[in-house]
Amino acid sequence: MRDRNEPMLRWFDWSHLRPGIVRGMSSHCQGLAAIVVNTLPSSAERTAGLRKLLEAKDCFVRAAIAHDSETHLATLEKEKEKEKEKDKP
């Protein structure tokens, strides 16, 4: 690793997230951030790129959370419909 002390890398940690699409999105972004840090020398442009990648990661995570929520709500609706069907004479 070229720069183990890159302060921006701490914002790409995903170990606290539960398994699923949110964690997957975060881990992919962290992988790309690590490639950038391992490949390019420290510079203002590298830091700017990492900041933009962090912004993109945040957007991807919010989209994944919304997707998980919508999927969960759809599942609950289907379960309610099944219960209604069971209760019909």
C-alpha atoms as a PDB file:
ATOM      1  CA  MET A   1       0.000   0.000   0.000  1.00  0.00           C
ATOM      2  CA  ARG A   2       1.410   3.342  -1.031  1.00  0.00           C
ATOM      3  CA  ASP A   3      -0.215   5.496   1.672  1.00  0.00           C
ATOM      4  CA  ARG A   4      -1.604   3.658   4.698  1.00  0.00           C
ATOM      5  CA  ASN A   5      -2.142   6.970   6.474  1.00  0.00           C
ATOM      6  CA  GLU A   6      -4.557   8.505   3.959  1.00  0.00           C
ATOM      7  CA  PRO A   7      -7.144  10.148   6.254  1.00  0.00           C
ATOM      8  CA  MET A   8      -9.928   9.922   3.656  1.00  0.00           C
ATOM      9  CA  LEU A   9      -9.944   6.107   3.763  1.00  0.00           C
ATOM     10  CA  ARG A  10     -11.628   6.043   7.168  1.00  0.00           C
ATOM     11  CA  TRP A  11     -14.822   7.377   5.585  1.00  0.00           C
ATOM     12  CA  PHE A  12     -15.022   4.366   3.276  1.00  0.00           C
ATOM     13  CA  ASP A  13     -15.285   1.810   6.102  1.00  0.00           C
ATOM     14  CA  TRP A  14     -18.265  -0.517   5.716  1.00  0.00           C
ATOM     15  CA  SER A  15     -17.671  -3.092   8.467  1.00  0.00           C
ATOM     16  CA  HIS A  16     -20.463  -1.606  10.621  1.00  0.00           C
ATOM     17  CA  LEU A  17     -23.117  -2.190   7.949  1.00  0.00           C
ATOM     18  CA  ARG A  18     -25.344  -5.252   7.868  1.00  0.00           C
ATOM     19  CA  PRO A  19     -24.928  -7.684   4.963  1.00  0.00           C
ATOM     20  CA  GLY A  20     -26.839  -6.755   1.834  1.00  0.00           C
ATOM     21  CA  ILE A  21     -26.884  -4.235  -0.954  1.00  0.00           C
ATOM     22  CA  VAL A  22     -25.923  -1.292   1.306  1.00  0.00           C
ATOM     23  CA  ARG A  23     -22.807  -3.068   2.516  1.00  0.00           C
ATOM     24  CA  GLY A  24     -22.017  -4.207  -1.019  1.00  0.00           C
ATOM     25  CA  MET A  25     -22.171  -0.678  -2.416  1.00  0.00           C
ATOM     26  CA  SER A  26     -19.947   0.605   0.374  1.00  0.00           C
ATOM     27  CA  SER A  27     -17.395  -2.169  -0.025  1.00  0.00           C
ATOM     28  CA  HIS A  28     -17.070  -1.563  -3.776  1.00  0.00           C
ATOM     29  CA  CYS A  29     -16.426   2.129  -3.194  1.00  0.00           C
ATOM     30  CA  GLN A  30     -13.892   1.328  -0.487  1.00  0.00           C
ATOM     31  CA  GLY A  31     -12.131  -1.020  -2.899  1.00  0.00           C
ATOM     32  CA  LEU A  32     -11.879   1.699  -5.533  1.00  0.00           C
ATOM     33  CA  ALA A  33     -10.636   4.206  -2.944  1.00  0.00           C
ATOM     34  CA  ALA A  34      -7.921   1.726  -1.933  1.00  0.00           C
ATOM     35  CA  ILE A  35      -6.871   1.279  -5.577  1.00  0.00           C
ATOM     36  CA  VAL A  36      -6.628   5.054  -5.978  1.00  0.00           C
ATOM     37  CA  VAL A  37      -4.532   5.423  -2.816  1.00  0.00           C
ATOM     38  CA  ASN A  38      -2.313   2.468  -3.751  1.00  0.00           C
ATOM     39  CA  THR A  39      -1.775   3.678  -7.310  1.00  0.00           C
ATOM     40  CA  LEU A  40      -1.542   7.459  -7.220  1.00  0.00           C
ATOM     41  CA  PRO A  41       0.804   9.638  -5.207  1.00  0.00           C
ATOM     42  CA  SER A  42      -0.702  11.911  -2.590  1.00  0.00           C
ATOM     43  CA  SER A  43      -1.840  15.197  -4.130  1.00  0.00           C
ATOM     44  CA  ALA A  44      -4.626  17.745  -4.036  1.00  0.00           C
ATOM     45  CA  GLU A  45      -6.210  16.093  -7.081  1.00  0.00           C
ATOM     46  CA  ARG A  46      -6.170  12.641  -5.474  1.00  0.00           C
ATOM     47  CA  THR A  47      -7.828  14.066  -2.364  1.00  0.00           C
ATOM     48  CA  ALA A  48     -10.423  15.863  -4.493  1.00  0.00           C
ATOM     49  CA  GLY A  49     -11.134  12.616  -6.350  1.00  0.00           C
ATOM     50  CA  LEU A  50     -11.515  10.719  -3.086  1.00  0.00           C
ATOM     51  CA  ARG A  51     -13.923  13.374  -1.799  1.00  0.00           C
ATOM     52  CA  LYS A  52     -16.024  13.057  -4.944  1.00  0.00           C
ATOM     53  CA  LEU A  53     -15.945   9.258  -4.648  1.00  0.00           C
ATOM     54  CA  LEU A  54     -17.091   9.614  -1.037  1.00  0.00           C
ATOM     55  CA  GLU A  55     -19.985  11.814  -2.182  1.00  0.00           C
ATOM     56  CA  ALA A  56     -20.879   9.202  -4.802  1.00  0.00           C
ATOM     57  CA  LYS A  57     -20.680   6.414  -2.194  1.00  0.00           C
ATOM     58  CA  ASP A  58     -23.073   8.325   0.034  1.00  0.00           C
ATOM     59  CA  CYS A  59     -25.522   8.631  -2.878  1.00  0.00           C
ATOM     60  CA  PHE A  60     -25.210   4.919  -3.693  1.00  0.00           C
ATOM     61  CA  VAL A  61     -25.801   3.978  -0.052  1.00  0.00           C
ATOM     62  CA  ARG A  62     -28.907   6.180   0.166  1.00  0.00           C
ATOM     63  CA  ALA A  63     -30.229   4.614  -3.047  1.00  0.00           C
ATOM     64  CA  ALA A  64     -29.545   1.133  -1.652  1.00  0.00           C
ATOM     65  CA  ILE A  65     -31.311   1.986   1.615  1.00  0.00           C
ATOM     66  CA  ALA A  66     -34.317   3.253  -0.344  1.00  0.00           C
ATOM     67  CA  HIS A  67     -34.297   0.065  -2.440  1.00  0.00           C
ATOM     68  CA  ASP A  68     -34.146  -2.106   0.682  1.00  0.00           C
ATOM     69  CA  SER A  69     -37.019  -0.131   2.235  1.00  0.00           C
ATOM     70  CA  GLU A  70     -39.188  -0.396  -0.888  1.00  0.00           C
ATOM     71  CA  THR A  71     -38.488  -4.113  -1.177  1.00  0.00           C
ATOM     72  CA  HIS A  72     -39.320  -4.631   2.494  1.00  0.00           C
ATOM     73  CA  LEU A  73     -42.573  -2.671   2.186  1.00  0.00           C
ATOM     74  CA  ALA A  74     -43.580  -4.665  -0.904  1.00  0.00           C
ATOM     75  CA  THR A  75     -42.933  -7.909   0.977  1.00  0.00           C
ATOM     76  CA  LEU A  76     -45.079  -6.742   3.889  1.00  0.00           C
ATOM     77  CA  GLU A  77     -47.908  -5.825   1.509  1.00  0.00           C
ATOM     78  CA  LYS A  78     -47.767  -9.275  -0.094  1.00  0.00           C
ATOM     79  CA  GLU A  79     -47.891 -10.912   3.329  1.00  0.00           C
ATOM     80  CA  LYS A  80     -50.945  -8.819   4.255  1.00  0.00           C
ATOM     81  CA  GLU A  81     -52.685  -9.877   1.049  1.00  0.00           C
ATOM     82  CA  LYS A  82     -51.962 -13.542   1.787  1.00  0.00           C
ATOM     83  CA  GLU A  83     -53.438 -13.155   5.270  1.00  0.00           C
ATOM     84  CA  LYS A  84     -56.569 -11.538   3.810  1.00  0.00           C
ATOM     85  CA  GLU A  85     -56.933 -14.429   1.374  1.00  0.00           C
ATOM     86  CA  LYS A  86     -56.665 -16.934   4.235  1.00  0.00           C
ATOM     87  CA  ASP A  87     -59.386 -15.138   6.178  1.00  0.00           C
ATOM     88  CA  LYS A  88     -61.873 -15.231   3.293  1.00  0.00           C
ATOM     89  CA  PRO A  89     -64.625 -17.894   3.601  1.00  0.00           C
END
